[in-house]
Amino acid sequence: MAEYRRFVMEFGFGVDSHGQDPTNACIKAVKDAISRVYIIGLLELNIKDFKIDALLGVPYPENVDMNRLMEAFPIKKNLSIKVIKGGLIDYGAIMEEFNDKNTEIIMAVASITMSVKI
């Protein structure tokens, strides 16, 4: 019986310095993680049955726009995204020209796993 096995795990970090948008921090964390992965082996071995699981930790997970976040992934086939409370908040300065609402700097972390069916 074929089952999914983890093939690649990668981790990323993203910061929204201005605007206090947890979605932007998550998108940056996803892009950071996937920027270090090139899955040529799947192409060369003609593996087409895989799944992607993304776990993100960020302050205010209830405010993450899942549709915008999904767009950060170049492959959406069998994509599962879970956003939980985590990440970090630090404090900077309010800059009106950057649409800051307060002094919070929002930081997100991402763990992305690609599994293949074997």
PDB file of N, CA and C in Angstrom:
ATOM      1  N   MET A   1       0.835  -1.180   0.000  1.00  0.00           N
ATOM      2  CA  MET A   1       0.000   0.000   0.000  1.00  0.00           C
ATOM      3  C   MET A   1       0.881   1.246   0.000  1.00  0.00           C
ATOM      4  N   ALA A   2       0.654   2.125  -0.959  1.00  0.00           N
ATOM      5  CA  ALA A   2       1.446   3.347  -1.070  1.00  0.00           C
ATOM      6  C   ALA A   2       1.058   4.326   0.037  1.00  0.00           C
ATOM      7  N   GLU A   3       2.056   5.047   0.527  1.00  0.00           N
ATOM      8  CA  GLU A   3       1.798   6.041   1.556  1.00  0.00           C
ATOM      9  C   GLU A   3       2.705   7.243   1.327  1.00  0.00           C
ATOM     10  N   TYR A   4       2.329   8.380   1.916  1.00  0.00           N
ATOM     11  CA  TYR A   4       3.151   9.575   1.805  1.00  0.00           C
ATOM     12  C   TYR A   4       4.323   9.498   2.781  1.00  0.00           C
ATOM     13  N   ARG A   5       5.482   9.876   2.287  1.00  0.00           N
ATOM     14  CA  ARG A   5       6.693   9.966   3.097  1.00  0.00           C
ATOM     15  C   ARG A   5       7.267  11.369   2.959  1.00  0.00           C
ATOM     16  N   ARG A   6       7.725  11.915   4.063  1.00  0.00           N
ATOM     17  CA  ARG A   6       8.324  13.252   4.009  1.00  0.00           C
ATOM     18  C   ARG A   6       9.574  13.226   3.131  1.00  0.00           C
ATOM     19  N   PHE A   7       9.648  14.208   2.258  1.00  0.00           N
ATOM     20  CA  PHE A   7      10.750  14.286   1.305  1.00  0.00           C
ATOM     21  C   PHE A   7      11.617  15.514   1.579  1.00  0.00           C
ATOM     22  N   VAL A   8      10.978  16.656   1.833  1.00  0.00           N
ATOM     23  CA  VAL A   8      11.676  17.908   2.071  1.00  0.00           C
ATOM     24  C   VAL A   8      10.994  18.635   3.216  1.00  0.00           C
ATOM     25  N   MET A   9      11.803  19.161   4.142  1.00  0.00           N
ATOM     26  CA  MET A   9      11.300  20.079   5.169  1.00  0.00           C
ATOM     27  C   MET A   9      12.168  21.323   5.102  1.00  0.00           C
ATOM     28  N   GLU A  10      11.514  22.468   5.162  1.00  0.00           N
ATOM     29  CA  GLU A  10      12.272  23.724   5.170  1.00  0.00           C
ATOM     30  C   GLU A  10      11.566  24.704   6.080  1.00  0.00           C
ATOM     31  N   PHE A  11      12.323  25.677   6.577  1.00  0.00           N
ATOM     32  CA  PHE A  11      11.823  26.607   7.570  1.00  0.00           C
ATOM     33  C   PHE A  11      12.109  28.033   7.126  1.00  0.00           C
ATOM     34  N   GLY A  12      11.210  28.941   7.493  1.00  0.00           N
ATOM     35  CA  GLY A  12      11.383  30.323   7.089  1.00  0.00           C
ATOM     36  C   GLY A  12      10.942  31.296   8.167  1.00  0.00           C
ATOM     37  N   PHE A  13      11.336  32.531   7.974  1.00  0.00           N
ATOM     38  CA  PHE A  13      11.078  33.612   8.918  1.00  0.00           C
ATOM     39  C   PHE A  13      10.650  34.837   8.129  1.00  0.00           C
ATOM     40  N   GLY A  14       9.634  35.526   8.592  1.00  0.00           N
ATOM     41  CA  GLY A  14       9.174  36.728   7.901  1.00  0.00           C
ATOM     42  C   GLY A  14       8.758  37.804   8.881  1.00  0.00           C
ATOM     43  N   VAL A  15       8.995  39.050   8.493  1.00  0.00           N
ATOM     44  CA  VAL A  15       8.703  40.200   9.350  1.00  0.00           C
ATOM     45  C   VAL A  15       7.875  41.218   8.589  1.00  0.00           C
ATOM     46  N   ASP A  16       6.825  41.722   9.227  1.00  0.00           N
ATOM     47  CA  ASP A  16       6.123  42.898   8.732  1.00  0.00           C
ATOM     48  C   ASP A  16       6.508  44.047   9.649  1.00  0.00           C
ATOM     49  N   SER A  17       7.478  44.851   9.205  1.00  0.00           N
ATOM     50  CA  SER A  17       8.028  45.927  10.026  1.00  0.00           C
ATOM     51  C   SER A  17       7.049  47.079  10.204  1.00  0.00           C
ATOM     52  N   HIS A  18       6.208  47.277   9.209  1.00  0.00           N
ATOM     53  CA  HIS A  18       5.248  48.387   9.241  1.00  0.00           C
ATOM     54  C   HIS A  18       3.900  47.892   8.744  1.00  0.00           C
ATOM     55  N   GLY A  19       2.848  48.408   9.325  1.00  0.00           N
ATOM     56  CA  GLY A  19       1.508  48.061   8.876  1.00  0.00           C
ATOM     57  C   GLY A  19       0.817  47.031   9.739  1.00  0.00           C
ATOM     58  N   GLN A  20       1.569  46.306  10.560  1.00  0.00           N
ATOM     59  CA  GLN A  20       1.020  45.338  11.504  1.00  0.00           C
ATOM     60  C   GLN A  20       0.110  44.324  10.815  1.00  0.00           C
ATOM     61  N   ASP A  21       0.588  43.743   9.714  1.00  0.00           N
ATOM     62  CA  ASP A  21      -0.199  42.785   8.940  1.00  0.00           C
ATOM     63  C   ASP A  21       0.391  41.381   9.089  1.00  0.00           C
ATOM     64  N   PRO A  22      -0.269  40.506   9.852  1.00  0.00           N
ATOM     65  CA  PRO A  22       0.270  39.155  10.022  1.00  0.00           C
ATOM     66  C   PRO A  22       0.313  38.367   8.712  1.00  0.00           C
ATOM     67  N   THR A  23      -0.559  38.692   7.769  1.00  0.00           N
ATOM     68  CA  THR A  23      -0.519  38.010   6.467  1.00  0.00           C
ATOM     69  C   THR A  23       0.789  38.309   5.754  1.00  0.00           C
ATOM     70  N   ASN A  24       1.217  39.569   5.758  1.00  0.00           N
ATOM     71  CA  ASN A  24       2.486  39.919   5.115  1.00  0.00           C
ATOM     72  C   ASN A  24       3.656  39.193   5.762  1.00  0.00           C
ATOM     73  N   ALA A  25       3.648  39.095   7.087  1.00  0.00           N
ATOM     74  CA  ALA A  25       4.730  38.377   7.773  1.00  0.00           C
ATOM     75  C   ALA A  25       4.731  36.901   7.369  1.00  0.00           C
ATOM     76  N   CYS A  26       3.552  36.291   7.279  1.00  0.00           N
ATOM     77  CA  CYS A  26       3.454  34.875   6.877  1.00  0.00           C
ATOM     78  C   CYS A  26       3.924  34.672   5.438  1.00  0.00           C
ATOM     79  N   ILE A  27       3.527  35.554   4.546  1.00  0.00           N
ATOM     80  CA  ILE A  27       3.950  35.443   3.140  1.00  0.00           C
ATOM     81  C   ILE A  27       5.470  35.502   3.048  1.00  0.00           C
ATOM     82  N   LYS A  28       6.082  36.413   3.785  1.00  0.00           N
ATOM     83  CA  LYS A  28       7.541  36.517   3.774  1.00  0.00           C
ATOM     84  C   LYS A  28       8.192  35.264   4.351  1.00  0.00           C
ATOM     85  N   ALA A  29       7.594  34.674   5.385  1.00  0.00           N
ATOM     86  CA  ALA A  29       8.140  33.442   5.972  1.00  0.00           C
ATOM     87  C   ALA A  29       8.063  32.286   4.976  1.00  0.00           C
ATOM     88  N   VAL A  30       6.947  32.180   4.254  1.00  0.00           N
ATOM     89  CA  VAL A  30       6.800  31.135   3.232  1.00  0.00           C
ATOM     90  C   VAL A  30       7.833  31.335   2.133  1.00  0.00           C
ATOM     91  N   LYS A  31       7.953  32.549   1.632  1.00  0.00           N
ATOM     92  CA  LYS A  31       8.914  32.814   0.554  1.00  0.00           C
ATOM     93  C   LYS A  31      10.342  32.564   1.011  1.00  0.00           C
ATOM     94  N   ASP A  32      10.639  32.876   2.273  1.00  0.00           N
ATOM     95  CA  ASP A  32      11.971  32.602   2.817  1.00  0.00           C
ATOM     96  C   ASP A  32      12.245  31.101   2.810  1.00  0.00           C
ATOM     97  N   ALA A  33      11.276  30.319   3.256  1.00  0.00           N
ATOM     98  CA  ALA A  33      11.460  28.861   3.307  1.00  0.00           C
ATOM     99  C   ALA A  33      11.618  28.263   1.916  1.00  0.00           C
ATOM    100  N   ILE A  34      10.731  28.607   1.006  1.00  0.00           N
ATOM    101  CA  ILE A  34      10.771  27.951  -0.302  1.00  0.00           C
ATOM    102  C   ILE A  34      11.888  28.477  -1.195  1.00  0.00           C
ATOM    103  N   SER A  35      12.505  29.589  -0.815  1.00  0.00           N
ATOM    104  CA  SER A  35      13.597  30.122  -1.638  1.00  0.00           C
ATOM    105  C   SER A  35      14.839  29.235  -1.592  1.00  0.00           C
ATOM    106  N   ARG A  36      14.913  28.332  -0.620  1.00  0.00           N
ATOM    107  CA  ARG A  36      16.080  27.457  -0.496  1.00  0.00           C
ATOM    108  C   ARG A  36      15.832  26.044  -1.001  1.00  0.00           C
ATOM    109  N   VAL A  37      14.696  25.810  -1.617  1.00  0.00           N
ATOM    110  CA  VAL A  37      14.348  24.458  -2.058  1.00  0.00           C
ATOM    111  C   VAL A  37      14.158  24.445  -3.573  1.00  0.00           C
ATOM    112  N   TYR A  38      14.831  23.509  -4.214  1.00  0.00           N
ATOM    113  CA  TYR A  38      14.662  23.300  -5.651  1.00  0.00           C
ATOM    114  C   TYR A  38      14.403  21.804  -5.826  1.00  0.00           C
ATOM    115  N   ILE A  39      13.213  21.441  -6.238  1.00  0.00           N
ATOM    116  CA  ILE A  39      12.788  20.034  -6.211  1.00  0.00           C
ATOM    117  C   ILE A  39      12.954  19.340  -7.560  1.00  0.00           C
ATOM    118  N   ILE A  40      14.123  19.509  -8.157  1.00  0.00           N
ATOM    119  CA  ILE A  40      14.371  18.909  -9.468  1.00  0.00           C
ATOM    120  C   ILE A  40      14.260  17.383  -9.421  1.00  0.00           C
ATOM    121  N   GLY A  41      14.570  16.784  -8.269  1.00  0.00           N
ATOM    122  CA  GLY A  41      14.492  15.329  -8.153  1.00  0.00           C
ATOM    123  C   GLY A  41      13.089  14.809  -8.438  1.00  0.00           C
ATOM    124  N   LEU A  42      12.065  15.548  -8.021  1.00  0.00           N
ATOM    125  CA  LEU A  42      10.690  15.127  -8.310  1.00  0.00           C
ATOM    126  C   LEU A  42      10.430  15.120  -9.803  1.00  0.00           C
ATOM    127  N   LEU A  43      10.983  16.109 -10.497  1.00  0.00           N
ATOM    128  CA  LEU A  43      10.799  16.165 -11.954  1.00  0.00           C
ATOM    129  C   LEU A  43      11.563  15.040 -12.649  1.00  0.00           C
ATOM    130  N   GLU A  44      12.813  14.845 -12.255  1.00  0.00           N
ATOM    131  CA  GLU A  44      13.645  13.842 -12.914  1.00  0.00           C
ATOM    132  C   GLU A  44      13.168  12.420 -12.630  1.00  0.00           C
ATOM    133  N   LEU A  45      12.550  12.195 -11.479  1.00  0.00           N
ATOM    134  CA  LEU A  45      12.022  10.876 -11.158  1.00  0.00           C
ATOM    135  C   LEU A  45      10.553  10.736 -11.562  1.00  0.00           C
ATOM    136  N   ASN A  46      10.004  11.802 -12.149  1.00  0.00           N
ATOM    137  CA  ASN A  46       8.627  11.823 -12.629  1.00  0.00           C
ATOM    138  C   ASN A  46       7.615  11.527 -11.499  1.00  0.00           C
ATOM    139  N   ILE A  47       7.902  12.061 -10.325  1.00  0.00           N
ATOM    140  CA  ILE A  47       6.988  11.900  -9.189  1.00  0.00           C
ATOM    141  C   ILE A  47       5.933  12.987  -9.270  1.00  0.00           C
ATOM    142  N   LYS A  48       4.688  12.580  -9.386  1.00  0.00           N
ATOM    143  CA  LYS A  48       3.594  13.537  -9.533  1.00  0.00           C
ATOM    144  C   LYS A  48       2.627  13.518  -8.355  1.00  0.00           C
ATOM    145  N   ASP A  49       2.761  12.524  -7.490  1.00  0.00           N
ATOM    146  CA  ASP A  49       1.841  12.415  -6.357  1.00  0.00           C
ATOM    147  C   ASP A  49       2.560  12.872  -5.093  1.00  0.00           C
ATOM    148  N   PHE A  50       2.276  14.095  -4.692  1.00  0.00           N
ATOM    149  CA  PHE A  50       2.901  14.667  -3.512  1.00  0.00           C
ATOM    150  C   PHE A  50       1.902  15.583  -2.814  1.00  0.00           C
ATOM    151  N   LYS A  51       2.252  15.968  -1.600  1.00  0.00           N
ATOM    152  CA  LYS A  51       1.427  16.921  -0.866  1.00  0.00           C
ATOM    153  C   LYS A  51       2.339  17.883  -0.127  1.00  0.00           C
ATOM    154  N   ILE A  52       1.806  19.063   0.155  1.00  0.00           N
ATOM    155  CA  ILE A  52       2.554  20.099   0.851  1.00  0.00           C
ATOM    156  C   ILE A  52       1.768  20.492   2.099  1.00  0.00           C
ATOM    157  N   ASP A  53       2.436  20.433   3.240  1.00  0.00           N
ATOM    158  CA  ASP A  53       1.844  20.844   4.508  1.00  0.00           C
ATOM    159  C   ASP A  53       2.629  22.041   5.031  1.00  0.00           C
ATOM    160  N   ALA A  54       1.927  23.124   5.277  1.00  0.00           N
ATOM    161  CA  ALA A  54       2.569  24.327   5.800  1.00  0.00           C
ATOM    162  C   ALA A  54       1.982  24.649   7.164  1.00  0.00           C
ATOM    163  N   LEU A  55       2.864  24.864   8.123  1.00  0.00           N
ATOM    164  CA  LEU A  55       2.467  25.267   9.465  1.00  0.00           C
ATOM    165  C   LEU A  55       3.132  26.606   9.734  1.00  0.00           C
ATOM    166  N   LEU A  56       2.317  27.601  10.056  1.00  0.00           N
ATOM    167  CA  LEU A  56       2.843  28.934  10.326  1.00  0.00           C
ATOM    168  C   LEU A  56       2.431  29.383  11.717  1.00  0.00           C
ATOM    169  N   GLY A  57       3.362  29.996  12.427  1.00  0.00           N
ATOM    170  CA  GLY A  57       3.088  30.587  13.723  1.00  0.00           C
ATOM    171  C   GLY A  57       3.247  32.088  13.619  1.00  0.00           C
ATOM    172  N   VAL A  58       2.219  32.822  14.030  1.00  0.00           N
ATOM    173  CA  VAL A  58       2.237  34.278  13.909  1.00  0.00           C
ATOM    174  C   VAL A  58       1.300  34.878  14.953  1.00  0.00           C
ATOM    175  N   PRO A  59       1.622  36.058  15.472  1.00  0.00           N
ATOM    176  CA  PRO A  59       0.657  36.738  16.321  1.00  0.00           C
ATOM    177  C   PRO A  59      -0.604  37.059  15.505  1.00  0.00           C
ATOM    178  N   TYR A  60      -1.733  37.017  16.128  1.00  0.00           N
ATOM    179  CA  TYR A  60      -3.016  37.326  15.495  1.00  0.00           C
ATOM    180  C   TYR A  60      -3.325  36.408  14.302  1.00  0.00           C
ATOM    181  N   PRO A  61      -3.236  35.083  14.481  1.00  0.00           N
ATOM    182  CA  PRO A  61      -3.498  34.176  13.359  1.00  0.00           C
ATOM    183  C   PRO A  61      -4.910  34.335  12.795  1.00  0.00           C
ATOM    184  N   GLU A  62      -5.832  34.783  13.602  1.00  0.00           N
ATOM    185  CA  GLU A  62      -7.209  34.973  13.133  1.00  0.00           C
ATOM    186  C   GLU A  62      -7.324  36.096  12.101  1.00  0.00           C
ATOM    187  N   ASN A  63      -6.295  36.924  11.982  1.00  0.00           N
ATOM    188  CA  ASN A  63      -6.311  38.027  11.019  1.00  0.00           C
ATOM    189  C   ASN A  63      -5.580  37.703   9.721  1.00  0.00           C
ATOM    190  N   VAL A  64      -5.096  36.486   9.572  1.00  0.00           N
ATOM    191  CA  VAL A  64      -4.369  36.106   8.352  1.00  0.00           C
ATOM    192  C   VAL A  64      -5.374  35.850   7.230  1.00  0.00           C
ATOM    193  N   ASP A  65      -5.130  36.470   6.093  1.00  0.00           N
ATOM    194  CA  ASP A  65      -5.951  36.281   4.893  1.00  0.00           C
ATOM    195  C   ASP A  65      -5.440  35.027   4.183  1.00  0.00           C
ATOM    196  N   MET A  66      -6.170  33.926   4.323  1.00  0.00           N
ATOM    197  CA  MET A  66      -5.718  32.643   3.782  1.00  0.00           C
ATOM    198  C   MET A  66      -5.617  32.662   2.253  1.00  0.00           C
ATOM    199  N   ASN A  67      -6.468  33.416   1.576  1.00  0.00           N
ATOM    200  CA  ASN A  67      -6.392  33.489   0.108  1.00  0.00           C
ATOM    201  C   ASN A  67      -5.104  34.170  -0.329  1.00  0.00           C
ATOM    202  N   ARG A  68      -4.739  35.264   0.321  1.00  0.00           N
ATOM    203  CA  ARG A  68      -3.466  35.938  -0.003  1.00  0.00           C
ATOM    204  C   ARG A  68      -2.286  35.044   0.326  1.00  0.00           C
ATOM    205  N   LEU A  69      -2.368  34.347   1.461  1.00  0.00           N
ATOM    206  CA  LEU A  69      -1.270  33.470   1.866  1.00  0.00           C
ATOM    207  C   LEU A  69      -1.082  32.331   0.871  1.00  0.00           C
ATOM    208  N   MET A  70      -2.167  31.749   0.399  1.00  0.00           N
ATOM    209  CA  MET A  70      -2.077  30.648  -0.561  1.00  0.00           C
ATOM    210  C   MET A  70      -1.354  31.077  -1.827  1.00  0.00           C
ATOM    211  N   GLU A  71      -1.513  32.329  -2.215  1.00  0.00           N
ATOM    212  CA  GLU A  71      -0.857  32.827  -3.429  1.00  0.00           C
ATOM    213  C   GLU A  71       0.666  32.841  -3.313  1.00  0.00           C
ATOM    214  N   ALA A  72       1.206  32.767  -2.105  1.00  0.00           N
ATOM    215  CA  ALA A  72       2.660  32.756  -1.919  1.00  0.00           C
ATOM    216  C   ALA A  72       3.274  31.423  -2.334  1.00  0.00           C
ATOM    217  N   PHE A  73       2.444  30.384  -2.470  1.00  0.00           N
ATOM    218  CA  PHE A  73       2.934  29.054  -2.835  1.00  0.00           C
ATOM    219  C   PHE A  73       2.872  28.873  -4.348  1.00  0.00           C
ATOM    220  N   PRO A  74       3.998  28.557  -4.982  1.00  0.00           N
ATOM    221  CA  PRO A  74       3.971  28.353  -6.436  1.00  0.00           C
ATOM    222  C   PRO A  74       3.230  27.075  -6.831  1.00  0.00           C
ATOM    223  N   ILE A  75       3.190  26.094  -5.942  1.00  0.00           N
ATOM    224  CA  ILE A  75       2.464  24.843  -6.194  1.00  0.00           C
ATOM    225  C   ILE A  75       1.316  24.783  -5.198  1.00  0.00           C
ATOM    226  N   LYS A  76       0.110  24.675  -5.730  1.00  0.00           N
ATOM    227  CA  LYS A  76      -1.064  24.651  -4.859  1.00  0.00           C
ATOM    228  C   LYS A  76      -1.732  23.280  -4.809  1.00  0.00           C
ATOM    229  N   LYS A  77      -1.200  22.340  -5.587  1.00  0.00           N
ATOM    230  CA  LYS A  77      -1.737  20.979  -5.617  1.00  0.00           C
ATOM    231  C   LYS A  77      -1.545  20.328  -4.251  1.00  0.00           C
ATOM    232  N   ASN A  78      -2.617  19.776  -3.692  1.00  0.00           N
ATOM    233  CA  ASN A  78      -2.565  19.080  -2.402  1.00  0.00           C
ATOM    234  C   ASN A  78      -1.884  19.922  -1.320  1.00  0.00           C
ATOM    235  N   LEU A  79      -2.254  21.195  -1.265  1.00  0.00           N
ATOM    236  CA  LEU A  79      -1.671  22.134  -0.306  1.00  0.00           C
ATOM    237  C   LEU A  79      -2.562  22.249   0.926  1.00  0.00           C
ATOM    238  N   SER A  80      -1.950  22.073   2.089  1.00  0.00           N
ATOM    239  CA  SER A  80      -2.650  22.235   3.357  1.00  0.00           C
ATOM    240  C   SER A  80      -1.909  23.296   4.167  1.00  0.00           C
ATOM    241  N   ILE A  81      -2.635  24.331   4.599  1.00  0.00           N
ATOM    242  CA  ILE A  81      -2.024  25.420   5.366  1.00  0.00           C
ATOM    243  C   ILE A  81      -2.713  25.516   6.719  1.00  0.00           C
ATOM    244  N   LYS A  82      -1.900  25.547   7.767  1.00  0.00           N
ATOM    245  CA  LYS A  82      -2.430  25.733   9.119  1.00  0.00           C
ATOM    246  C   LYS A  82      -1.682  26.911   9.746  1.00  0.00           C
ATOM    247  N   VAL A  83      -2.442  27.871  10.250  1.00  0.00           N
ATOM    248  CA  VAL A  83      -1.851  29.048  10.896  1.00  0.00           C
ATOM    249  C   VAL A  83      -2.259  29.034  12.364  1.00  0.00           C
ATOM    250  N   ILE A  84      -1.253  29.100  13.228  1.00  0.00           N
ATOM    251  CA  ILE A  84      -1.505  29.056  14.675  1.00  0.00           C
ATOM    252  C   ILE A  84      -0.880  30.273  15.354  1.00  0.00           C
ATOM    253  N   LYS A  85      -1.274  30.481  16.596  1.00  0.00           N
ATOM    254  CA  LYS A  85      -0.710  31.571  17.379  1.00  0.00           C
ATOM    255  C   LYS A  85       0.746  31.243  17.696  1.00  0.00           C
ATOM    256  N   GLY A  86       1.611  32.160  17.397  1.00  0.00           N
ATOM    257  CA  GLY A  86       3.031  31.968  17.619  1.00  0.00           C
ATOM    258  C   GLY A  86       3.791  33.180  17.140  1.00  0.00           C
ATOM    259  N   GLY A  87       4.975  32.970  16.651  1.00  0.00           N
ATOM    260  CA  GLY A  87       5.775  34.083  16.164  1.00  0.00           C
ATOM    261  C   GLY A  87       6.218  34.977  17.298  1.00  0.00           C
ATOM    262  N   LEU A  88       6.323  36.264  16.998  1.00  0.00           N
ATOM    263  CA  LEU A  88       6.857  37.204  17.970  1.00  0.00           C
ATOM    264  C   LEU A  88       6.373  38.604  17.631  1.00  0.00           C
ATOM    265  N   ILE A  89       6.218  39.407  18.655  1.00  0.00           N
ATOM    266  CA  ILE A  89       5.936  40.830  18.481  1.00  0.00           C
ATOM    267  C   ILE A  89       7.062  41.599  19.154  1.00  0.00           C
ATOM    268  N   ASP A  90       7.616  42.565  18.436  1.00  0.00           N
ATOM    269  CA  ASP A  90       8.552  43.508  19.040  1.00  0.00           C
ATOM    270  C   ASP A  90       7.991  44.898  18.757  1.00  0.00           C
ATOM    271  N   TYR A  91       8.683  45.912  19.194  1.00  0.00           N
ATOM    272  CA  TYR A  91       8.127  47.256  19.076  1.00  0.00           C
ATOM    273  C   TYR A  91       9.131  48.197  18.447  1.00  0.00           C
ATOM    274  N   GLY A  92       8.656  48.959  17.474  1.00  0.00           N
ATOM    275  CA  GLY A  92       9.481  49.928  16.774  1.00  0.00           C
ATOM    276  C   GLY A  92       8.884  51.315  16.922  1.00  0.00           C
ATOM    277  N   ALA A  93       8.677  51.985  15.806  1.00  0.00           N
ATOM    278  CA  ALA A  93       8.152  53.347  15.801  1.00  0.00           C
ATOM    279  C   ALA A  93       6.968  53.434  14.850  1.00  0.00           C
ATOM    280  N   ILE A  94       6.092  54.361  15.114  1.00  0.00           N
ATOM    281  CA  ILE A  94       4.959  54.607  14.211  1.00  0.00           C
ATOM    282  C   ILE A  94       5.427  55.533  13.092  1.00  0.00           C
ATOM    283  N   MET A  95       5.222  55.082  11.855  1.00  0.00           N
ATOM    284  CA  MET A  95       5.532  55.907  10.680  1.00  0.00           C
ATOM    285  C   MET A  95       4.264  55.968   9.835  1.00  0.00           C
ATOM    286  N   GLU A  96       3.624  57.119   9.856  1.00  0.00           N
ATOM    287  CA  GLU A  96       2.348  57.264   9.154  1.00  0.00           C
ATOM    288  C   GLU A  96       2.472  56.965   7.666  1.00  0.00           C
ATOM    289  N   GLU A  97       3.601  57.308   7.054  1.00  0.00           N
ATOM    290  CA  GLU A  97       3.786  57.073   5.618  1.00  0.00           C
ATOM    291  C   GLU A  97       3.787  55.583   5.267  1.00  0.00           C
ATOM    292  N   PHE A  98       3.965  54.708   6.270  1.00  0.00           N
ATOM    293  CA  PHE A  98       3.912  53.261   6.059  1.00  0.00           C
ATOM    294  C   PHE A  98       2.626  52.643   6.592  1.00  0.00           C
ATOM    295  N   ASN A  99       1.649  53.485   6.907  1.00  0.00           N
ATOM    296  CA  ASN A  99       0.329  53.035   7.391  1.00  0.00           C
ATOM    297  C   ASN A  99       0.390  52.275   8.706  1.00  0.00           C
ATOM    298  N   ASP A 100       1.336  52.613   9.552  1.00  0.00           N
ATOM    299  CA  ASP A 100       1.400  51.982  10.865  1.00  0.00           C
ATOM    300  C   ASP A 100       0.168  52.330  11.687  1.00  0.00           C
ATOM    301  N   LYS A 101      -0.356  51.329  12.372  1.00  0.00           N
ATOM    302  CA  LYS A 101      -1.476  51.526  13.287  1.00  0.00           C
ATOM    303  C   LYS A 101      -0.966  51.677  14.716  1.00  0.00           C
ATOM    304  N   ASN A 102       0.188  51.070  14.996  1.00  0.00           N
ATOM    305  CA  ASN A 102       0.821  51.127  16.310  1.00  0.00           C
ATOM    306  C   ASN A 102       2.306  50.804  16.117  1.00  0.00           C
ATOM    307  N   THR A 103       3.010  50.539  17.186  1.00  0.00           N
ATOM    308  CA  THR A 103       4.460  50.316  17.088  1.00  0.00           C
ATOM    309  C   THR A 103       4.844  48.842  16.919  1.00  0.00           C
ATOM    310  N   GLU A 104       3.857  47.946  16.789  1.00  0.00           N
ATOM    311  CA  GLU A 104       4.163  46.519  16.706  1.00  0.00           C
ATOM    312  C   GLU A 104       4.892  46.137  15.412  1.00  0.00           C
ATOM    313  N   ILE A 105       5.880  45.277  15.583  1.00  0.00           N
ATOM    314  CA  ILE A 105       6.565  44.620  14.469  1.00  0.00           C
ATOM    315  C   ILE A 105       6.156  43.158  14.571  1.00  0.00           C
ATOM    316  N   ILE A 106       5.521  42.628  13.524  1.00  0.00           N
ATOM    317  CA  ILE A 106       4.954  41.279  13.532  1.00  0.00           C
ATOM    318  C   ILE A 106       5.938  40.309  12.874  1.00  0.00           C
ATOM    319  N   MET A 107       6.270  39.215  13.573  1.00  0.00           N
ATOM    320  CA  MET A 107       7.189  38.208  13.045  1.00  0.00           C
ATOM    321  C   MET A 107       6.505  36.847  12.979  1.00  0.00           C
ATOM    322  N   ALA A 108       6.729  36.154  11.871  1.00  0.00           N
ATOM    323  CA  ALA A 108       6.120  34.839  11.644  1.00  0.00           C
ATOM    324  C   ALA A 108       7.204  33.816  11.344  1.00  0.00           C
ATOM    325  N   VAL A 109       6.918  32.569  11.692  1.00  0.00           N
ATOM    326  CA  VAL A 109       7.795  31.464  11.330  1.00  0.00           C
ATOM    327  C   VAL A 109       6.982  30.448  10.531  1.00  0.00           C
ATOM    328  N   ALA A 110       7.661  29.770   9.613  1.00  0.00           N
ATOM    329  CA  ALA A 110       6.997  28.776   8.764  1.00  0.00           C
ATOM    330  C   ALA A 110       7.779  27.477   8.771  1.00  0.00           C
ATOM    331  N   SER A 111       7.038  26.379   8.810  1.00  0.00           N
ATOM    332  CA  SER A 111       7.595  25.046   8.624  1.00  0.00           C
ATOM    333  C   SER A 111       6.836  24.423   7.470  1.00  0.00           C
ATOM    334  N   ILE A 112       7.539  24.111   6.392  1.00  0.00           N
ATOM    335  CA  ILE A 112       6.889  23.583   5.193  1.00  0.00           C
ATOM    336  C   ILE A 112       7.460  22.207   4.889  1.00  0.00           C
ATOM    337  N   THR A 113       6.553  21.247   4.748  1.00  0.00           N
ATOM    338  CA  THR A 113       6.939  19.863   4.475  1.00  0.00           C
ATOM    339  C   THR A 113       6.314  19.415   3.167  1.00  0.00           C
ATOM    340  N   MET A 114       7.141  18.857   2.292  1.00  0.00           N
ATOM    341  CA  MET A 114       6.637  18.240   1.071  1.00  0.00           C
ATOM    342  C   MET A 114       6.825  16.741   1.217  1.00  0.00           C
ATOM    343  N   SER A 115       5.724  16.016   1.039  1.00  0.00           N
ATOM    344  CA  SER A 115       5.750  14.563   1.141  1.00  0.00           C
ATOM    345  C   SER A 115       5.415  13.968  -0.215  1.00  0.00           C
ATOM    346  N   VAL A 116       6.018  12.824  -0.511  1.00  0.00           N
ATOM    347  CA  VAL A 116       5.763  12.144  -1.779  1.00  0.00           C
ATOM    348  C   VAL A 116       5.124  10.784  -1.494  1.00  0.00           C
ATOM    349  N   LYS A 117       4.328  10.323  -2.433  1.00  0.00           N
ATOM    350  CA  LYS A 117       3.688   9.022  -2.284  1.00  0.00           C
ATOM    351  C   LYS A 117       4.597   7.975  -2.897  1.00  0.00           C
ATOM    352  N   ILE A 118       4.927   6.961  -2.089  1.00  0.00           N
ATOM    353  CA  ILE A 118       5.802   5.893  -2.601  1.00  0.00           C
ATOM    354  C   ILE A 118       5.149   4.544  -2.347  1.00  0.00           C
TER     355      ILE A 118
END
